[in-house]
C-alpha cells in the first residue's frame, strides 16, 4: 500500500512539473519593473488569493478526520454492545 501511495505521489509531482515552469520571465520582469508599492501590492494580492483556499482545505480535512473518528468510535461501540449481548445470553 505504501508503494502505491509513493507511486501516486511521484506521478502527481511529475504531472505538476509544467506548472512550475509557469513562473514565466515576462510575468517576473513585469512585476520587477513596478515600484516598491506595486511589488508590495502584488505580494499582498498573492497572499489574499492564497488564504481562502488554504482555509477551506484545512477546514475540509479537519471535518473529514473528525467524521472518520466519530464513525470509527460508533462502529467500535456497536461491536462492543453486540459482544456484551452475546456474552449475556
N, C-alpha and C. Protein backbone atom coordinates (compact mmCIF):
# COMPACT_ATOMS: atom_id res chain seq x y z
N UNK A 1 0.82 -1.18 0.00
CA UNK A 1 0.00 0.00 0.00
C UNK A 1 0.87 1.26 0.00
N UNK A 2 1.96 1.22 0.76
CA UNK A 2 2.86 2.38 0.78
C UNK A 2 3.50 2.59 -0.58
N UNK A 3 3.80 1.49 -1.26
CA UNK A 3 4.42 1.59 -2.57
C UNK A 3 3.48 2.28 -3.55
N UNK A 4 2.19 1.91 -3.50
CA UNK A 4 1.20 2.55 -4.38
C UNK A 4 1.07 4.03 -4.06
N UNK A 5 1.09 4.37 -2.79
CA UNK A 5 1.00 5.78 -2.39
C UNK A 5 2.22 6.55 -2.89
N UNK A 6 3.39 5.92 -2.82
CA UNK A 6 4.61 6.57 -3.30
C UNK A 6 4.55 6.78 -4.81
N UNK A 7 4.05 5.79 -5.53
CA UNK A 7 3.91 5.93 -6.98
C UNK A 7 2.92 7.04 -7.31
N UNK A 8 1.80 7.09 -6.60
CA UNK A 8 0.81 8.14 -6.83
C UNK A 8 1.39 9.51 -6.55
N UNK A 9 2.13 9.65 -5.46
CA UNK A 9 2.75 10.94 -5.14
C UNK A 9 3.76 11.34 -6.21
N UNK A 10 4.56 10.38 -6.68
CA UNK A 10 5.54 10.67 -7.72
C UNK A 10 4.85 11.10 -9.01
N UNK A 11 3.77 10.43 -9.37
CA UNK A 11 3.04 10.79 -10.58
C UNK A 11 2.44 12.19 -10.47
N UNK A 12 1.88 12.51 -9.31
CA UNK A 12 1.31 13.85 -9.12
C UNK A 12 2.38 14.92 -9.20
N UNK A 13 3.54 14.66 -8.60
CA UNK A 13 4.62 15.64 -8.66
C UNK A 13 5.13 15.82 -10.09
N UNK A 14 5.26 14.71 -10.82
CA UNK A 14 5.73 14.81 -12.20
C UNK A 14 4.69 15.48 -13.09
N UNK A 15 3.42 15.25 -12.79
CA UNK A 15 2.34 15.84 -13.57
C UNK A 15 2.31 17.36 -13.35
N UNK A 16 2.69 17.80 -12.16
CA UNK A 16 2.66 19.22 -11.83
C UNK A 16 3.93 19.95 -12.27
N UNK A 17 4.90 19.24 -12.79
CA UNK A 17 6.16 19.88 -13.19
C UNK A 17 5.96 21.02 -14.18
N UNK A 18 5.10 20.87 -15.21
CA UNK A 18 4.91 22.00 -16.12
C UNK A 18 4.38 23.25 -15.42
N UNK A 19 3.67 23.09 -14.33
CA UNK A 19 3.15 24.26 -13.61
C UNK A 19 4.28 25.07 -13.00
N UNK A 20 5.37 24.41 -12.61
CA UNK A 20 6.49 25.14 -12.04
C UNK A 20 7.16 26.04 -13.07
N UNK A 21 7.10 25.67 -14.32
CA UNK A 21 7.71 26.49 -15.36
C UNK A 21 6.82 27.66 -15.75
N UNK A 22 5.64 27.76 -15.16
CA UNK A 22 4.74 28.86 -15.49
C UNK A 22 5.18 30.18 -14.85
N UNK A 23 6.18 30.14 -14.01
CA UNK A 23 6.72 31.39 -13.47
C UNK A 23 7.52 32.04 -14.58
N UNK A 24 6.79 32.51 -15.57
CA UNK A 24 7.44 32.96 -16.81
C UNK A 24 8.24 34.23 -16.59
N UNK A 25 9.19 34.41 -17.43
CA UNK A 25 10.07 35.57 -17.32
C UNK A 25 9.32 36.86 -17.60
N UNK A 26 8.29 36.80 -18.43
CA UNK A 26 7.52 38.00 -18.73
C UNK A 26 6.78 38.52 -17.49
N UNK A 27 6.17 37.60 -16.76
CA UNK A 27 5.48 37.99 -15.52
C UNK A 27 6.48 38.50 -14.50
N UNK A 28 7.59 37.81 -14.40
CA UNK A 28 8.63 38.20 -13.43
C UNK A 28 9.17 39.59 -13.76
N UNK A 29 9.48 39.83 -15.02
CA UNK A 29 10.06 41.13 -15.39
C UNK A 29 9.03 42.25 -15.23
N UNK A 30 7.76 41.98 -15.52
CA UNK A 30 6.72 42.99 -15.34
C UNK A 30 6.56 43.34 -13.87
N UNK A 31 6.54 42.32 -13.00
CA UNK A 31 6.40 42.57 -11.57
C UNK A 31 7.64 43.27 -11.02
N UNK A 32 8.80 42.92 -11.53
CA UNK A 32 10.05 43.53 -11.05
C UNK A 32 10.14 44.99 -11.50
N UNK A 33 9.50 45.33 -12.62
CA UNK A 33 9.58 46.69 -13.14
C UNK A 33 8.67 47.66 -12.40
N UNK A 34 7.75 47.15 -11.62
CA UNK A 34 6.85 48.04 -10.88
C UNK A 34 7.59 48.67 -9.71
N UNK A 35 6.96 49.67 -9.13
CA UNK A 35 7.56 50.35 -7.98
C UNK A 35 7.50 49.44 -6.76
N UNK A 36 8.14 49.87 -5.69
CA UNK A 36 8.13 49.08 -4.44
C UNK A 36 6.70 48.92 -3.92
N UNK A 37 5.89 49.97 -4.04
CA UNK A 37 4.49 49.87 -3.60
C UNK A 37 3.73 48.86 -4.46
N UNK A 38 4.01 48.86 -5.74
CA UNK A 38 3.36 47.90 -6.63
C UNK A 38 3.77 46.47 -6.32
N UNK A 39 5.05 46.28 -6.02
CA UNK A 39 5.53 44.94 -5.66
C UNK A 39 4.89 44.47 -4.35
N UNK A 40 4.75 45.39 -3.40
CA UNK A 40 4.09 45.07 -2.14
C UNK A 40 2.63 44.71 -2.38
N UNK A 41 1.97 45.43 -3.27
CA UNK A 41 0.57 45.15 -3.59
C UNK A 41 0.42 43.78 -4.25
N UNK A 42 1.35 43.42 -5.12
CA UNK A 42 1.32 42.11 -5.76
C UNK A 42 1.51 41.02 -4.71
N UNK A 43 2.45 41.22 -3.79
CA UNK A 43 2.69 40.23 -2.74
C UNK A 43 1.45 40.07 -1.86
N UNK A 44 0.83 41.17 -1.49
CA UNK A 44 -0.40 41.09 -0.69
C UNK A 44 -1.51 40.42 -1.47
N UNK A 45 -1.60 40.71 -2.74
CA UNK A 45 -2.63 40.08 -3.58
C UNK A 45 -2.46 38.57 -3.65
N UNK A 46 -1.22 38.13 -3.74
CA UNK A 46 -0.96 36.68 -3.76
C UNK A 46 -1.39 36.05 -2.45
N UNK A 47 -1.08 36.71 -1.36
CA UNK A 47 -1.48 36.18 -0.05
C UNK A 47 -2.99 36.16 0.10
N UNK A 48 -3.65 37.24 -0.35
CA UNK A 48 -5.11 37.30 -0.26
C UNK A 48 -5.74 36.19 -1.10
N UNK A 49 -5.18 35.89 -2.24
CA UNK A 49 -5.71 34.82 -3.08
C UNK A 49 -5.36 33.43 -2.55
N UNK A 50 -4.34 33.33 -1.73
CA UNK A 50 -3.90 32.04 -1.22
C UNK A 50 -4.62 31.62 0.06
N UNK A 51 -4.97 32.58 0.90
CA UNK A 51 -5.53 32.26 2.22
C UNK A 51 -6.89 31.54 2.15
N UNK A 52 -7.87 32.00 1.39
CA UNK A 52 -9.17 31.31 1.41
C UNK A 52 -9.11 29.84 0.97
N UNK A 53 -8.43 29.48 -0.12
CA UNK A 53 -8.36 28.06 -0.46
C UNK A 53 -7.68 27.22 0.61
N UNK A 54 -6.62 27.75 1.21
CA UNK A 54 -5.95 27.01 2.28
C UNK A 54 -6.88 26.85 3.48
N UNK A 55 -7.63 27.88 3.79
CA UNK A 55 -8.58 27.80 4.89
C UNK A 55 -9.66 26.76 4.64
N UNK A 56 -10.22 26.76 3.43
CA UNK A 56 -11.26 25.79 3.10
C UNK A 56 -10.72 24.36 3.11
N UNK A 57 -9.51 24.18 2.59
CA UNK A 57 -8.93 22.83 2.58
C UNK A 57 -8.63 22.36 4.00
N UNK A 58 -8.12 23.25 4.83
CA UNK A 58 -7.85 22.88 6.22
C UNK A 58 -9.14 22.51 6.94
N UNK A 59 -10.17 23.31 6.74
CA UNK A 59 -11.47 23.03 7.35
C UNK A 59 -12.03 21.70 6.84
N UNK A 60 -11.91 21.45 5.54
CA UNK A 60 -12.42 20.21 4.97
C UNK A 60 -11.70 18.98 5.50
N UNK A 61 -10.39 19.05 5.58
CA UNK A 61 -9.62 17.91 6.09
C UNK A 61 -9.94 17.68 7.56
N UNK A 62 -10.05 18.76 8.33
CA UNK A 62 -10.39 18.64 9.75
C UNK A 62 -11.76 18.00 9.93
N UNK A 63 -12.75 18.42 9.13
CA UNK A 63 -14.09 17.85 9.25
C UNK A 63 -14.09 16.37 8.83
N UNK A 64 -13.34 16.03 7.79
CA UNK A 64 -13.29 14.64 7.35
C UNK A 64 -12.65 13.75 8.41
N UNK A 65 -11.57 14.21 9.01
CA UNK A 65 -10.92 13.43 10.07
C UNK A 65 -11.84 13.29 11.28
N UNK A 66 -12.52 14.35 11.62
CA UNK A 66 -13.45 14.31 12.76
C UNK A 66 -14.59 13.33 12.49
N UNK A 67 -15.14 13.37 11.29
CA UNK A 67 -16.21 12.45 10.93
C UNK A 67 -15.71 11.00 10.96
N UNK A 68 -14.52 10.76 10.44
CA UNK A 68 -13.96 9.41 10.43
C UNK A 68 -13.76 8.86 11.83
N UNK A 69 -13.25 9.69 12.72
CA UNK A 69 -13.06 9.24 14.12
C UNK A 69 -14.40 8.94 14.78
N UNK A 70 -15.38 9.78 14.53
CA UNK A 70 -16.70 9.57 15.12
C UNK A 70 -17.31 8.27 14.59
N UNK A 71 -17.20 8.04 13.29
CA UNK A 71 -17.74 6.82 12.69
C UNK A 71 -17.05 5.59 13.25
N UNK A 72 -15.72 5.65 13.37
CA UNK A 72 -14.97 4.51 13.92
C UNK A 72 -15.37 4.24 15.36
N UNK A 73 -15.55 5.30 16.15
CA UNK A 73 -15.94 5.15 17.53
C UNK A 73 -17.34 4.51 17.64
N UNK A 74 -18.26 4.95 16.77
CA UNK A 74 -19.61 4.38 16.78
C UNK A 74 -19.60 2.90 16.39
N UNK A 75 -18.78 2.55 15.41
CA UNK A 75 -18.69 1.15 14.99
C UNK A 75 -18.11 0.30 16.11
N UNK A 76 -17.10 0.80 16.79
CA UNK A 76 -16.50 0.07 17.90
C UNK A 76 -17.49 -0.10 19.04
N UNK A 77 -18.22 0.98 19.35
CA UNK A 77 -19.22 0.90 20.42
C UNK A 77 -20.30 -0.11 20.07
N UNK A 78 -20.73 -0.14 18.82
CA UNK A 78 -21.77 -1.07 18.39
C UNK A 78 -21.26 -2.52 18.46
N UNK A 79 -20.02 -2.73 18.04
CA UNK A 79 -19.44 -4.07 18.10
C UNK A 79 -19.30 -4.53 19.56
N UNK A 80 -18.88 -3.64 20.44
CA UNK A 80 -18.78 -3.99 21.86
C UNK A 80 -20.15 -4.30 22.45
N UNK A 81 -21.16 -3.55 22.05
CA UNK A 81 -22.52 -3.79 22.53
C UNK A 81 -23.00 -5.17 22.08
N UNK A 82 -22.73 -5.53 20.82
CA UNK A 82 -23.13 -6.85 20.32
C UNK A 82 -22.40 -7.96 21.08
N UNK A 83 -21.11 -7.77 21.37
CA UNK A 83 -20.37 -8.77 22.13
C UNK A 83 -20.95 -8.94 23.54
N UNK A 84 -21.33 -7.85 24.19
CA UNK A 84 -21.94 -7.94 25.51
C UNK A 84 -23.27 -8.67 25.45
N UNK A 85 -24.04 -8.43 24.39
CA UNK A 85 -25.32 -9.11 24.23
C UNK A 85 -25.12 -10.61 24.06
N UNK A 86 -24.09 -11.00 23.31
CA UNK A 86 -23.82 -12.43 23.10
C UNK A 86 -23.34 -13.06 24.40
N UNK A 87 -22.48 -12.35 25.15
CA UNK A 87 -21.98 -12.89 26.42
C UNK A 87 -23.09 -13.03 27.45
N UNK A 88 -24.04 -12.13 27.45
CA UNK A 88 -25.14 -12.19 28.41
C UNK A 88 -26.11 -13.33 28.12
N UNK A 89 -26.26 -13.70 26.87
CA UNK A 89 -27.21 -14.76 26.54
C UNK A 89 -26.62 -16.15 26.58
